[in-house]
């Protein structure tokens, strides 16, 4: 079986694009605590997908997918708070929240798919 890189995973690609978008939206933000929390959570989504995919264990990959899913939930919370305190506008809030829900669903499906392959052995 040939190696398939995490870079080929659509969920990783979308998570990277989202992290880049978060950095762009917050580039002029002076609330450094919130900016740091949000950028770390955003980067963590894609980073944990990559780390898990390059482990030599499907169980480890699933564990890191769950960590990524947790980071997505963390970022959704931070996006909500950022909107409520006027750090981001409603349009960015709505689009980012929608994308995070989609990424979370993709992560859930990926973990479920990998779990199926574990049961086959």
PDB file of N, CA and C in Angstrom:
ATOM      1  N   UNK A   1       0.844  -1.182   0.000  1.00  0.00           N
ATOM      2  CA  UNK A   1       0.000   0.000   0.000  1.00  0.00           C
ATOM      3  C   UNK A   1       0.892   1.249   0.000  1.00  0.00           C
ATOM      4  N   UNK A   2       0.599   2.168  -0.874  1.00  0.00           N
ATOM      5  CA  UNK A   2       1.416   3.377  -0.958  1.00  0.00           C
ATOM      6  C   UNK A   2       1.025   4.378   0.132  1.00  0.00           C
ATOM      7  N   UNK A   3       1.954   5.227   0.465  1.00  0.00           N
ATOM      8  CA  UNK A   3       1.739   6.247   1.484  1.00  0.00           C
ATOM      9  C   UNK A   3       0.924   7.399   0.905  1.00  0.00           C
ATOM     10  N   UNK A   4      -0.106   7.782   1.624  1.00  0.00           N
ATOM     11  CA  UNK A   4      -0.902   8.952   1.247  1.00  0.00           C
ATOM     12  C   UNK A   4      -0.667  10.010   2.302  1.00  0.00           C
ATOM     13  N   UNK A   5      -0.225  11.150   1.883  1.00  0.00           N
ATOM     14  CA  UNK A   5       0.133  12.216   2.801  1.00  0.00           C
ATOM     15  C   UNK A   5      -1.105  12.928   3.350  1.00  0.00           C
ATOM     16  N   UNK A   6      -0.964  13.454   4.552  1.00  0.00           N
ATOM     17  CA  UNK A   6      -2.041  14.240   5.153  1.00  0.00           C
ATOM     18  C   UNK A   6      -2.392  15.451   4.298  1.00  0.00           C
ATOM     19  N   UNK A   7      -1.426  15.935   3.495  1.00  0.00           N
ATOM     20  CA  UNK A   7      -1.691  17.075   2.620  1.00  0.00           C
ATOM     21  C   UNK A   7      -2.786  16.785   1.597  1.00  0.00           C
ATOM     22  N   UNK A   8      -3.039  15.505   1.339  1.00  0.00           N
ATOM     23  CA  UNK A   8      -4.089  15.121   0.401  1.00  0.00           C
ATOM     24  C   UNK A   8      -5.474  15.108   1.039  1.00  0.00           C
ATOM     25  N   UNK A   9      -5.542  15.231   2.356  1.00  0.00           N
ATOM     26  CA  UNK A   9      -6.832  15.209   3.038  1.00  0.00           C
ATOM     27  C   UNK A   9      -7.517  16.566   2.905  1.00  0.00           C
ATOM     28  N   UNK A  10      -8.727  16.561   2.390  1.00  0.00           N
ATOM     29  CA  UNK A  10      -9.475  17.809   2.233  1.00  0.00           C
ATOM     30  C   UNK A  10      -9.661  18.516   3.573  1.00  0.00           C
ATOM     31  N   UNK A  11      -9.892  17.759   4.624  1.00  0.00           N
ATOM     32  CA  UNK A  11     -10.112  18.373   5.935  1.00  0.00           C
ATOM     33  C   UNK A  11      -8.861  19.113   6.408  1.00  0.00           C
ATOM     34  N   UNK A  12      -7.685  18.570   6.128  1.00  0.00           N
ATOM     35  CA  UNK A  12      -6.432  19.253   6.487  1.00  0.00           C
ATOM     36  C   UNK A  12      -6.289  20.534   5.669  1.00  0.00           C
ATOM     37  N   UNK A  13      -6.571  20.461   4.368  1.00  0.00           N
ATOM     38  CA  UNK A  13      -6.470  21.625   3.494  1.00  0.00           C
ATOM     39  C   UNK A  13      -7.407  22.744   3.961  1.00  0.00           C
ATOM     40  N   UNK A  14      -8.634  22.375   4.299  1.00  0.00           N
ATOM     41  CA  UNK A  14      -9.600  23.378   4.748  1.00  0.00           C
ATOM     42  C   UNK A  14      -9.210  23.953   6.105  1.00  0.00           C
ATOM     43  N   UNK A  15      -8.665  23.130   6.978  1.00  0.00           N
ATOM     44  CA  UNK A  15      -8.221  23.611   8.284  1.00  0.00           C
ATOM     45  C   UNK A  15      -7.063  24.600   8.127  1.00  0.00           C
ATOM     46  N   UNK A  16      -6.157  24.325   7.212  1.00  0.00           N
ATOM     47  CA  UNK A  16      -5.053  25.261   6.944  1.00  0.00           C
ATOM     48  C   UNK A  16      -5.580  26.593   6.419  1.00  0.00           C
ATOM     49  N   UNK A  17      -6.490  26.529   5.469  1.00  0.00           N
ATOM     50  CA  UNK A  17      -7.070  27.760   4.922  1.00  0.00           C
ATOM     51  C   UNK A  17      -7.782  28.554   6.005  1.00  0.00           C
ATOM     52  N   UNK A  18      -8.456  27.867   6.893  1.00  0.00           N
ATOM     53  CA  UNK A  18      -9.146  28.544   7.985  1.00  0.00           C
ATOM     54  C   UNK A  18      -8.142  29.223   8.917  1.00  0.00           C
ATOM     55  N   UNK A  19      -7.059  28.549   9.249  1.00  0.00           N
ATOM     56  CA  UNK A  19      -6.034  29.148  10.117  1.00  0.00           C
ATOM     57  C   UNK A  19      -5.462  30.413   9.474  1.00  0.00           C
ATOM     58  N   UNK A  20      -5.202  30.352   8.189  1.00  0.00           N
ATOM     59  CA  UNK A  20      -4.679  31.518   7.468  1.00  0.00           C
ATOM     60  C   UNK A  20      -5.698  32.654   7.505  1.00  0.00           C
ATOM     61  N   UNK A  21      -6.957  32.300   7.354  1.00  0.00           N
ATOM     62  CA  UNK A  21      -8.010  33.323   7.414  1.00  0.00           C
ATOM     63  C   UNK A  21      -8.080  33.967   8.799  1.00  0.00           C
ATOM     64  N   UNK A  22      -7.971  33.158   9.847  1.00  0.00           N
ATOM     65  CA  UNK A  22      -7.997  33.693  11.220  1.00  0.00           C
ATOM     66  C   UNK A  22      -6.841  34.677  11.409  1.00  0.00           C
ATOM     67  N   UNK A  23      -5.657  34.304  10.952  1.00  0.00           N
ATOM     68  CA  UNK A  23      -4.513  35.220  11.050  1.00  0.00           C
ATOM     69  C   UNK A  23      -4.799  36.534  10.321  1.00  0.00           C
ATOM     70  N   UNK A  24      -5.389  36.441   9.146  1.00  0.00           N
ATOM     71  CA  UNK A  24      -5.699  37.643   8.376  1.00  0.00           C
ATOM     72  C   UNK A  24      -6.715  38.537   9.070  1.00  0.00           C
ATOM     73  N   UNK A  25      -7.761  37.946   9.589  1.00  0.00           N
ATOM     74  CA  UNK A  25      -8.803  38.716  10.269  1.00  0.00           C
ATOM     75  C   UNK A  25      -8.251  39.406  11.511  1.00  0.00           C
ATOM     76  N   UNK A  26      -7.351  38.722  12.211  1.00  0.00           N
ATOM     77  CA  UNK A  26      -6.848  39.243  13.489  1.00  0.00           C
ATOM     78  C   UNK A  26      -5.524  39.990  13.377  1.00  0.00           C
ATOM     79  N   UNK A  27      -5.054  40.247  12.159  1.00  0.00           N
ATOM     80  CA  UNK A  27      -3.723  40.848  11.998  1.00  0.00           C
ATOM     81  C   UNK A  27      -3.576  42.187  12.717  1.00  0.00           C
ATOM     82  N   UNK A  28      -4.637  42.962  12.809  1.00  0.00           N
ATOM     83  CA  UNK A  28      -4.570  44.258  13.485  1.00  0.00           C
ATOM     84  C   UNK A  28      -5.188  44.248  14.879  1.00  0.00           C
ATOM     85  N   UNK A  29      -5.539  43.081  15.362  1.00  0.00           N
ATOM     86  CA  UNK A  29      -6.188  42.953  16.673  1.00  0.00           C
ATOM     87  C   UNK A  29      -5.192  43.288  17.785  1.00  0.00           C
ATOM     88  N   UNK A  30      -5.634  44.135  18.706  1.00  0.00           N
ATOM     89  CA  UNK A  30      -4.766  44.526  19.821  1.00  0.00           C
ATOM     90  C   UNK A  30      -5.089  43.761  21.101  1.00  0.00           C
ATOM     91  N   UNK A  31      -6.097  42.919  21.045  1.00  0.00           N
ATOM     92  CA  UNK A  31      -6.392  42.046  22.185  1.00  0.00           C
ATOM     93  C   UNK A  31      -5.504  40.816  22.005  1.00  0.00           C
ATOM     94  N   UNK A  32      -4.270  40.952  22.481  1.00  0.00           N
ATOM     95  CA  UNK A  32      -3.255  39.931  22.200  1.00  0.00           C
ATOM     96  C   UNK A  32      -3.569  38.583  22.836  1.00  0.00           C
ATOM     97  N   UNK A  33      -4.247  38.590  23.961  1.00  0.00           N
ATOM     98  CA  UNK A  33      -4.630  37.329  24.596  1.00  0.00           C
ATOM     99  C   UNK A  33      -5.596  36.547  23.726  1.00  0.00           C
ATOM    100  N   UNK A  34      -6.642  37.212  23.271  1.00  0.00           N
ATOM    101  CA  UNK A  34      -7.639  36.548  22.423  1.00  0.00           C
ATOM    102  C   UNK A  34      -7.029  36.163  21.076  1.00  0.00           C
ATOM    103  N   UNK A  35      -6.243  37.059  20.512  1.00  0.00           N
ATOM    104  CA  UNK A  35      -5.583  36.783  19.233  1.00  0.00           C
ATOM    105  C   UNK A  35      -4.711  35.529  19.348  1.00  0.00           C
ATOM    106  N   UNK A  36      -3.931  35.441  20.420  1.00  0.00           N
ATOM    107  CA  UNK A  36      -3.058  34.291  20.638  1.00  0.00           C
ATOM    108  C   UNK A  36      -3.871  33.007  20.802  1.00  0.00           C
ATOM    109  N   UNK A  37      -4.920  33.062  21.602  1.00  0.00           N
ATOM    110  CA  UNK A  37      -5.760  31.872  21.816  1.00  0.00           C
ATOM    111  C   UNK A  37      -6.382  31.395  20.511  1.00  0.00           C
ATOM    112  N   UNK A  38      -6.928  32.336  19.748  1.00  0.00           N
ATOM    113  CA  UNK A  38      -7.611  31.968  18.505  1.00  0.00           C
ATOM    114  C   UNK A  38      -6.652  31.439  17.446  1.00  0.00           C
ATOM    115  N   UNK A  39      -5.499  32.073  17.299  1.00  0.00           N
ATOM    116  CA  UNK A  39      -4.556  31.581  16.290  1.00  0.00           C
ATOM    117  C   UNK A  39      -3.977  30.230  16.691  1.00  0.00           C
ATOM    118  N   UNK A  40      -3.735  30.038  17.978  1.00  0.00           N
ATOM    119  CA  UNK A  40      -3.233  28.730  18.429  1.00  0.00           C
ATOM    120  C   UNK A  40      -4.255  27.621  18.190  1.00  0.00           C
ATOM    121  N   UNK A  41      -5.509  27.894  18.510  1.00  0.00           N
ATOM    122  CA  UNK A  41      -6.560  26.890  18.288  1.00  0.00           C
ATOM    123  C   UNK A  41      -6.704  26.584  16.808  1.00  0.00           C
ATOM    124  N   UNK A  42      -6.667  27.628  15.979  1.00  0.00           N
ATOM    125  CA  UNK A  42      -6.815  27.439  14.531  1.00  0.00           C
ATOM    126  C   UNK A  42      -5.674  26.594  13.964  1.00  0.00           C
ATOM    127  N   UNK A  43      -4.459  26.906  14.350  1.00  0.00           N
ATOM    128  CA  UNK A  43      -3.292  26.153  13.875  1.00  0.00           C
ATOM    129  C   UNK A  43      -3.328  24.714  14.404  1.00  0.00           C
ATOM    130  N   UNK A  44      -3.840  24.538  15.589  1.00  0.00           N
ATOM    131  CA  UNK A  44      -3.897  23.219  16.214  1.00  0.00           C
ATOM    132  C   UNK A  44      -4.770  22.234  15.445  1.00  0.00           C
ATOM    133  N   UNK A  45      -5.814  22.725  14.806  1.00  0.00           N
ATOM    134  CA  UNK A  45      -6.710  21.825  14.064  1.00  0.00           C
ATOM    135  C   UNK A  45      -5.918  21.085  12.984  1.00  0.00           C
ATOM    136  N   UNK A  46      -5.287  21.835  12.098  1.00  0.00           N
ATOM    137  CA  UNK A  46      -4.527  21.221  11.006  1.00  0.00           C
ATOM    138  C   UNK A  46      -3.293  20.482  11.513  1.00  0.00           C
ATOM    139  N   UNK A  47      -2.634  21.048  12.517  1.00  0.00           N
ATOM    140  CA  UNK A  47      -1.404  20.437  13.036  1.00  0.00           C
ATOM    141  C   UNK A  47      -1.655  19.061  13.628  1.00  0.00           C
ATOM    142  N   UNK A  48      -2.746  18.903  14.343  1.00  0.00           N
ATOM    143  CA  UNK A  48      -3.047  17.599  14.943  1.00  0.00           C
ATOM    144  C   UNK A  48      -3.488  16.574  13.913  1.00  0.00           C
ATOM    145  N   UNK A  49      -4.145  17.018  12.861  1.00  0.00           N
ATOM    146  CA  UNK A  49      -4.461  16.102  11.765  1.00  0.00           C
ATOM    147  C   UNK A  49      -3.154  15.576  11.178  1.00  0.00           C
ATOM    148  N   UNK A  50      -2.220  16.477  10.921  1.00  0.00           N
ATOM    149  CA  UNK A  50      -0.930  16.087  10.337  1.00  0.00           C
ATOM    150  C   UNK A  50      -0.163  15.155  11.266  1.00  0.00           C
ATOM    151  N   UNK A  51      -0.082  15.521  12.536  1.00  0.00           N
ATOM    152  CA  UNK A  51       0.664  14.689  13.479  1.00  0.00           C
ATOM    153  C   UNK A  51       0.067  13.296  13.584  1.00  0.00           C
ATOM    154  N   UNK A  52      -1.250  13.235  13.696  1.00  0.00           N
ATOM    155  CA  UNK A  52      -1.914  11.933  13.806  1.00  0.00           C
ATOM    156  C   UNK A  52      -1.748  11.090  12.565  1.00  0.00           C
ATOM    157  N   UNK A  53      -1.840  11.723  11.403  1.00  0.00           N
ATOM    158  CA  UNK A  53      -1.719  10.982  10.142  1.00  0.00           C
ATOM    159  C   UNK A  53      -0.329  10.379   9.978  1.00  0.00           C
ATOM    160  N   UNK A  54       0.673  11.037  10.515  1.00  0.00           N
ATOM    161  CA  UNK A  54       2.036  10.534  10.351  1.00  0.00           C
ATOM    162  C   UNK A  54       2.484   9.615  11.482  1.00  0.00           C
ATOM    163  N   UNK A  55       1.589   9.296  12.383  1.00  0.00           N
ATOM    164  CA  UNK A  55       1.889   8.276  13.390  1.00  0.00           C
ATOM    165  C   UNK A  55       1.756   6.913  12.727  1.00  0.00           C
ATOM    166  N   UNK A  56       2.374   5.926  13.304  1.00  0.00           N
ATOM    167  CA  UNK A  56       2.318   4.586  12.716  1.00  0.00           C
ATOM    168  C   UNK A  56       1.178   3.749  13.281  1.00  0.00           C
ATOM    169  N   UNK A  57       0.120   4.424  13.697  1.00  0.00           N
ATOM    170  CA  UNK A  57      -0.972   3.711  14.343  1.00  0.00           C
ATOM    171  C   UNK A  57      -2.299   4.373  14.000  1.00  0.00           C
ATOM    172  N   UNK A  58      -3.245   3.558  13.564  1.00  0.00           N
ATOM    173  CA  UNK A  58      -4.580   4.082  13.284  1.00  0.00           C
ATOM    174  C   UNK A  58      -5.240   4.593  14.567  1.00  0.00           C
ATOM    175  N   UNK A  59      -4.995   3.903  15.662  1.00  0.00           N
ATOM    176  CA  UNK A  59      -5.565   4.335  16.945  1.00  0.00           C
ATOM    177  C   UNK A  59      -5.023   5.713  17.335  1.00  0.00           C
ATOM    178  N   UNK A  60      -3.734   5.933  17.103  1.00  0.00           N
ATOM    179  CA  UNK A  60      -3.137   7.241  17.381  1.00  0.00           C
ATOM    180  C   UNK A  60      -3.715   8.310  16.462  1.00  0.00           C
ATOM    181  N   UNK A  61      -3.917   7.948  15.187  1.00  0.00           N
ATOM    182  CA  UNK A  61      -4.502   8.894  14.242  1.00  0.00           C
ATOM    183  C   UNK A  61      -5.893   9.316  14.728  1.00  0.00           C
ATOM    184  N   UNK A  62      -6.690   8.351  15.155  1.00  0.00           N
ATOM    185  CA  UNK A  62      -8.027   8.658  15.670  1.00  0.00           C
ATOM    186  C   UNK A  62      -7.926   9.577  16.885  1.00  0.00           C
ATOM    187  N   UNK A  63      -6.988   9.300  17.768  1.00  0.00           N
ATOM    188  CA  UNK A  63      -6.812  10.138  18.967  1.00  0.00           C
ATOM    189  C   UNK A  63      -6.504  11.586  18.569  1.00  0.00           C
ATOM    190  N   UNK A  64      -5.631  11.776  17.600  1.00  0.00           N
ATOM    191  CA  UNK A  64      -5.283  13.128  17.163  1.00  0.00           C
ATOM    192  C   UNK A  64      -6.426  13.797  16.395  1.00  0.00           C
ATOM    193  N   UNK A  65      -7.240  13.019  15.705  1.00  0.00           N
ATOM    194  CA  UNK A  65      -8.429  13.577  15.060  1.00  0.00           C
ATOM    195  C   UNK A  65      -9.360  14.145  16.134  1.00  0.00           C
ATOM    196  N   UNK A  66      -9.507  13.415  17.226  1.00  0.00           N
ATOM    197  CA  UNK A  66     -10.353  13.899  18.319  1.00  0.00           C
ATOM    198  C   UNK A  66      -9.778  15.171  18.946  1.00  0.00           C
ATOM    199  N   UNK A  67      -8.484  15.255  19.045  1.00  0.00           N
ATOM    200  CA  UNK A  67      -7.849  16.478  19.551  1.00  0.00           C
ATOM    201  C   UNK A  67      -8.132  17.635  18.587  1.00  0.00           C
ATOM    202  N   UNK A  68      -8.030  17.380  17.280  1.00  0.00           N
ATOM    203  CA  UNK A  68      -8.336  18.403  16.275  1.00  0.00           C
ATOM    204  C   UNK A  68      -9.784  18.869  16.401  1.00  0.00           C
ATOM    205  N   UNK A  69     -10.672  17.916  16.612  1.00  0.00           N
ATOM    206  CA  UNK A  69     -12.097  18.240  16.756  1.00  0.00           C
ATOM    207  C   UNK A  69     -12.308  19.113  17.994  1.00  0.00           C
ATOM    208  N   UNK A  70     -11.580  18.825  19.065  1.00  0.00           N
ATOM    209  CA  UNK A  70     -11.653  19.651  20.265  1.00  0.00           C
ATOM    210  C   UNK A  70     -11.153  21.062  20.003  1.00  0.00           C
ATOM    211  N   UNK A  71     -10.096  21.188  19.234  1.00  0.00           N
ATOM    212  CA  UNK A  71      -9.576  22.516  18.878  1.00  0.00           C
ATOM    213  C   UNK A  71     -10.581  23.289  18.031  1.00  0.00           C
ATOM    214  N   UNK A  72     -11.296  22.588  17.162  1.00  0.00           N
ATOM    215  CA  UNK A  72     -12.327  23.247  16.354  1.00  0.00           C
ATOM    216  C   UNK A  72     -13.447  23.784  17.247  1.00  0.00           C
ATOM    217  N   UNK A  73     -13.835  23.010  18.257  1.00  0.00           N
ATOM    218  CA  UNK A  73     -14.865  23.462  19.195  1.00  0.00           C
ATOM    219  C   UNK A  73     -14.361  24.647  20.018  1.00  0.00           C
ATOM    220  N   UNK A  74     -13.102  24.581  20.418  1.00  0.00           N
ATOM    221  CA  UNK A  74     -12.485  25.689  21.154  1.00  0.00           C
ATOM    222  C   UNK A  74     -12.517  26.963  20.315  1.00  0.00           C
ATOM    223  N   UNK A  75     -12.142  26.850  19.048  1.00  0.00           N
ATOM    224  CA  UNK A  75     -12.127  28.016  18.165  1.00  0.00           C
ATOM    225  C   UNK A  75     -13.544  28.537  17.922  1.00  0.00           C
ATOM    226  N   UNK A  76     -14.516  27.651  17.786  1.00  0.00           N
ATOM    227  CA  UNK A  76     -15.903  28.112  17.623  1.00  0.00           C
ATOM    228  C   UNK A  76     -16.341  28.956  18.810  1.00  0.00           C
ATOM    229  N   UNK A  77     -15.959  28.528  20.000  1.00  0.00           N
ATOM    230  CA  UNK A  77     -16.282  29.301  21.204  1.00  0.00           C
ATOM    231  C   UNK A  77     -15.600  30.658  21.167  1.00  0.00           C
ATOM    232  N   UNK A  78     -14.347  30.676  20.808  1.00  0.00           N
ATOM    233  CA  UNK A  78     -13.590  31.929  20.753  1.00  0.00           C
ATOM    234  C   UNK A  78     -14.131  32.867  19.681  1.00  0.00           C
ATOM    235  N   UNK A  79     -14.567  32.321  18.553  1.00  0.00           N
ATOM    236  CA  UNK A  79     -15.155  33.130  17.490  1.00  0.00           C
ATOM    237  C   UNK A  79     -16.454  33.761  17.990  1.00  0.00           C
ATOM    238  N   UNK A  80     -17.232  32.997  18.717  1.00  0.00           N
ATOM    239  CA  UNK A  80     -18.471  33.533  19.295  1.00  0.00           C
ATOM    240  C   UNK A  80     -18.162  34.692  20.252  1.00  0.00           C
ATOM    241  N   UNK A  81     -17.212  34.481  21.139  1.00  0.00           N
ATOM    242  CA  UNK A  81     -16.845  35.530  22.099  1.00  0.00           C
ATOM    243  C   UNK A  81     -16.281  36.742  21.368  1.00  0.00           C
ATOM    244  N   UNK A  82     -15.413  36.499  20.371  1.00  0.00           N
ATOM    245  CA  UNK A  82     -14.827  37.598  19.599  1.00  0.00           C
ATOM    246  C   UNK A  82     -15.914  38.430  18.924  1.00  0.00           C
ATOM    247  N   UNK A  83     -16.948  37.782  18.456  1.00  0.00           N
ATOM    248  CA  UNK A  83     -18.066  38.524  17.850  1.00  0.00           C
ATOM    249  C   UNK A  83     -18.797  39.348  18.908  1.00  0.00           C
ATOM    250  N   UNK A  84     -19.044  38.749  20.055  1.00  0.00           N
ATOM    251  CA  UNK A  84     -19.791  39.430  21.113  1.00  0.00           C
ATOM    252  C   UNK A  84     -19.045  40.646  21.665  1.00  0.00           C
ATOM    253  N   UNK A  85     -17.724  40.625  21.604  1.00  0.00           N
ATOM    254  CA  UNK A  85     -16.949  41.774  22.101  1.00  0.00           C
ATOM    255  C   UNK A  85     -16.424  42.637  20.948  1.00  0.00           C
ATOM    256  N   UNK A  86     -16.987  42.409  19.761  1.00  0.00           N
ATOM    257  CA  UNK A  86     -16.716  43.226  18.572  1.00  0.00           C
ATOM    258  C   UNK A  86     -15.280  43.161  18.053  1.00  0.00           C
ATOM    259  N   UNK A  87     -14.634  42.038  18.222  1.00  0.00           N
ATOM    260  CA  UNK A  87     -13.313  41.853  17.613  1.00  0.00           C
ATOM    261  C   UNK A  87     -13.432  41.400  16.165  1.00  0.00           C
ATOM    262  N   UNK A  88     -14.513  40.703  15.850  1.00  0.00           N
ATOM    263  CA  UNK A  88     -14.769  40.293  14.469  1.00  0.00           C
ATOM    264  C   UNK A  88     -16.194  40.681  14.108  1.00  0.00           C
ATOM    265  N   UNK A  89     -16.448  40.835  12.817  1.00  0.00           N
ATOM    266  CA  UNK A  89     -17.792  41.222  12.404  1.00  0.00           C
ATOM    267  C   UNK A  89     -18.693  39.995  12.236  1.00  0.00           C
ATOM    268  N   UNK A  90     -19.975  40.259  12.088  1.00  0.00           N
ATOM    269  CA  UNK A  90     -20.974  39.189  12.001  1.00  0.00           C
ATOM    270  C   UNK A  90     -20.724  38.275  10.808  1.00  0.00           C
ATOM    271  N   UNK A  91     -20.365  38.858   9.669  1.00  0.00           N
ATOM    272  CA  UNK A  91     -20.135  38.054   8.467  1.00  0.00           C
ATOM    273  C   UNK A  91     -18.986  37.065   8.674  1.00  0.00           C
ATOM    274  N   UNK A  92     -17.864  37.539   9.223  1.00  0.00           N
ATOM    275  CA  UNK A  92     -16.742  36.637   9.509  1.00  0.00           C
ATOM    276  C   UNK A  92     -17.160  35.574  10.527  1.00  0.00           C
ATOM    277  N   UNK A  93     -17.863  35.989  11.575  1.00  0.00           N
ATOM    278  CA  UNK A  93     -18.344  35.038  12.586  1.00  0.00           C
ATOM    279  C   UNK A  93     -19.161  33.931  11.941  1.00  0.00           C
ATOM    280  N   UNK A  94     -20.129  34.318  11.121  1.00  0.00           N
ATOM    281  CA  UNK A  94     -21.033  33.339  10.519  1.00  0.00           C
ATOM    282  C   UNK A  94     -20.295  32.391   9.576  1.00  0.00           C
ATOM    283  N   UNK A  95     -19.420  32.937   8.746  1.00  0.00           N
ATOM    284  CA  UNK A  95     -18.684  32.108   7.787  1.00  0.00           C
ATOM    285  C   UNK A  95     -17.707  31.165   8.490  1.00  0.00           C
ATOM    286  N   UNK A  96     -16.991  31.675   9.479  1.00  0.00           N
ATOM    287  CA  UNK A  96     -16.019  30.845  10.191  1.00  0.00           C
ATOM    288  C   UNK A  96     -16.730  29.767  10.998  1.00  0.00           C
ATOM    289  N   UNK A  97     -17.801  30.131  11.666  1.00  0.00           N
ATOM    290  CA  UNK A  97     -18.564  29.141  12.444  1.00  0.00           C
ATOM    291  C   UNK A  97     -19.083  28.024  11.548  1.00  0.00           C
ATOM    292  N   UNK A  98     -19.612  28.401  10.388  1.00  0.00           N
ATOM    293  CA  UNK A  98     -20.110  27.405   9.434  1.00  0.00           C
ATOM    294  C   UNK A  98     -18.983  26.477   8.975  1.00  0.00           C
ATOM    295  N   UNK A  99     -17.827  27.053   8.683  1.00  0.00           N
ATOM    296  CA  UNK A  99     -16.688  26.245   8.249  1.00  0.00           C
ATOM    297  C   UNK A  99     -16.209  25.318   9.372  1.00  0.00           C
ATOM    298  N   UNK A 100     -16.200  25.811  10.596  1.00  0.00           N
ATOM    299  CA  UNK A 100     -15.782  24.976  11.725  1.00  0.00           C
ATOM    300  C   UNK A 100     -16.741  23.815  11.951  1.00  0.00           C
ATOM    301  N   UNK A 101     -18.021  24.050  11.790  1.00  0.00           N
ATOM    302  CA  UNK A 101     -19.003  22.967  11.916  1.00  0.00           C
ATOM    303  C   UNK A 101     -18.755  21.921  10.836  1.00  0.00           C
ATOM    304  N   UNK A 102     -18.474  22.384   9.628  1.00  0.00           N
ATOM    305  CA  UNK A 102     -18.187  21.470   8.520  1.00  0.00           C
ATOM    306  C   UNK A 102     -16.903  20.675   8.768  1.00  0.00           C
ATOM    307  N   UNK A 103     -15.864  21.349   9.219  1.00  0.00           N
ATOM    308  CA  UNK A 103     -14.595  20.675   9.523  1.00  0.00           C
ATOM    309  C   UNK A 103     -14.801  19.645  10.634  1.00  0.00           C
ATOM    310  N   UNK A 104     -15.559  19.989  11.651  1.00  0.00           N
ATOM    311  CA  UNK A 104     -15.835  19.045  12.747  1.00  0.00           C
ATOM    312  C   UNK A 104     -16.560  17.809  12.230  1.00  0.00           C
ATOM    313  N   UNK A 105     -17.519  18.017  11.345  1.00  0.00           N
ATOM    314  CA  UNK A 105     -18.247  16.884  10.759  1.00  0.00           C
ATOM    315  C   UNK A 105     -17.309  16.012   9.929  1.00  0.00           C
ATOM    316  N   UNK A 106     -16.417  16.643   9.180  1.00  0.00           N
ATOM    317  CA  UNK A 106     -15.452  15.885   8.381  1.00  0.00           C
ATOM    318  C   UNK A 106     -14.519  15.079   9.280  1.00  0.00           C
ATOM    319  N   UNK A 107     -14.082  15.680  10.370  1.00  0.00           N
ATOM    320  CA  UNK A 107     -13.213  14.973  11.314  1.00  0.00           C
ATOM    321  C   UNK A 107     -13.941  13.786  11.938  1.00  0.00           C
ATOM    322  N   UNK A 108     -15.198  13.997  12.291  1.00  0.00           N
ATOM    323  CA  UNK A 108     -16.006  12.907  12.854  1.00  0.00           C
ATOM    324  C   UNK A 108     -16.102  11.742  11.861  1.00  0.00           C
ATOM    325  N   UNK A 109     -16.382  12.069  10.609  1.00  0.00           N
ATOM    326  CA  UNK A 109     -16.494  11.037   9.571  1.00  0.00           C
ATOM    327  C   UNK A 109     -15.171  10.324   9.333  1.00  0.00           C
ATOM    328  N   UNK A 110     -14.078  11.087   9.358  1.00  0.00           N
ATOM    329  CA  UNK A 110     -12.762  10.485   9.163  1.00  0.00           C
ATOM    330  C   UNK A 110     -12.443   9.505  10.290  1.00  0.00           C
ATOM    331  N   UNK A 111     -12.693   9.912  11.518  1.00  0.00           N
ATOM    332  CA  UNK A 111     -12.438   9.019  12.655  1.00  0.00           C
ATOM    333  C   UNK A 111     -13.299   7.767  12.561  1.00  0.00           C
ATOM    334  N   UNK A 112     -14.554   7.939  12.199  1.00  0.00           N
ATOM    335  CA  UNK A 112     -15.479   6.814  12.063  1.00  0.00           C
ATOM    336  C   UNK A 112     -14.997   5.850  10.980  1.00  0.00           C
ATOM    337  N   UNK A 113     -14.522   6.403   9.869  1.00  0.00           N
ATOM    338  CA  UNK A 113     -14.016   5.592   8.767  1.00  0.00           C
ATOM    339  C   UNK A 113     -12.784   4.783   9.186  1.00  0.00           C
ATOM    340  N   UNK A 114     -11.884   5.427   9.911  1.00  0.00           N
ATOM    341  CA  UNK A 114     -10.677   4.733  10.370  1.00  0.00           C
ATOM    342  C   UNK A 114     -11.047   3.641  11.382  1.00  0.00           C
ATOM    343  N   UNK A 115     -11.992   3.923  12.257  1.00  0.00           N
ATOM    344  CA  UNK A 115     -12.447   2.926  13.245  1.00  0.00           C
ATOM    345  C   UNK A 115     -12.987   1.690  12.565  1.00  0.00           C
ATOM    346  N   UNK A 116     -13.691   1.873  11.458  1.00  0.00           N
ATOM    347  CA  UNK A 116     -14.220   0.723  10.704  1.00  0.00           C
ATOM    348  C   UNK A 116     -13.103  -0.182  10.238  1.00  0.00           C
ATOM    349  N   UNK A 117     -12.002   0.422   9.770  1.00  0.00           N
ATOM    350  CA  UNK A 117     -10.887  -0.392   9.283  1.00  0.00           C
ATOM    351  C   UNK A 117     -10.206  -1.132  10.426  1.00  0.00           C
ATOM    352  N   UNK A 118     -10.264  -0.596  11.632  1.00  0.00           N
ATOM    353  CA  UNK A 118      -9.687  -1.285  12.785  1.00  0.00           C
ATOM    354  C   UNK A 118     -10.474  -2.534  13.126  1.00  0.00           C
ATOM    355  N   UNK A 119     -11.784  -2.468  12.977  1.00  0.00           N
ATOM    356  CA  UNK A 119     -12.662  -3.606  13.316  1.00  0.00           C
ATOM    357  C   UNK A 119     -12.541  -4.726  12.312  1.00  0.00           C
ATOM    358  N   UNK A 120     -12.044  -4.452  11.120  1.00  0.00           N
ATOM    359  CA  UNK A 120     -11.954  -5.468  10.081  1.00  0.00           C
ATOM    360  C   UNK A 120     -10.830  -6.458  10.346  1.00  0.00           C
ATOM    361  N   UNK A 121      -9.932  -6.139  11.255  1.00  0.00           N
ATOM    362  CA  UNK A 121      -8.778  -7.023  11.493  1.00  0.00           C
ATOM    363  C   UNK A 121      -8.959  -7.854  12.716  1.00  0.00           C
TER     364      UNK A 121
END
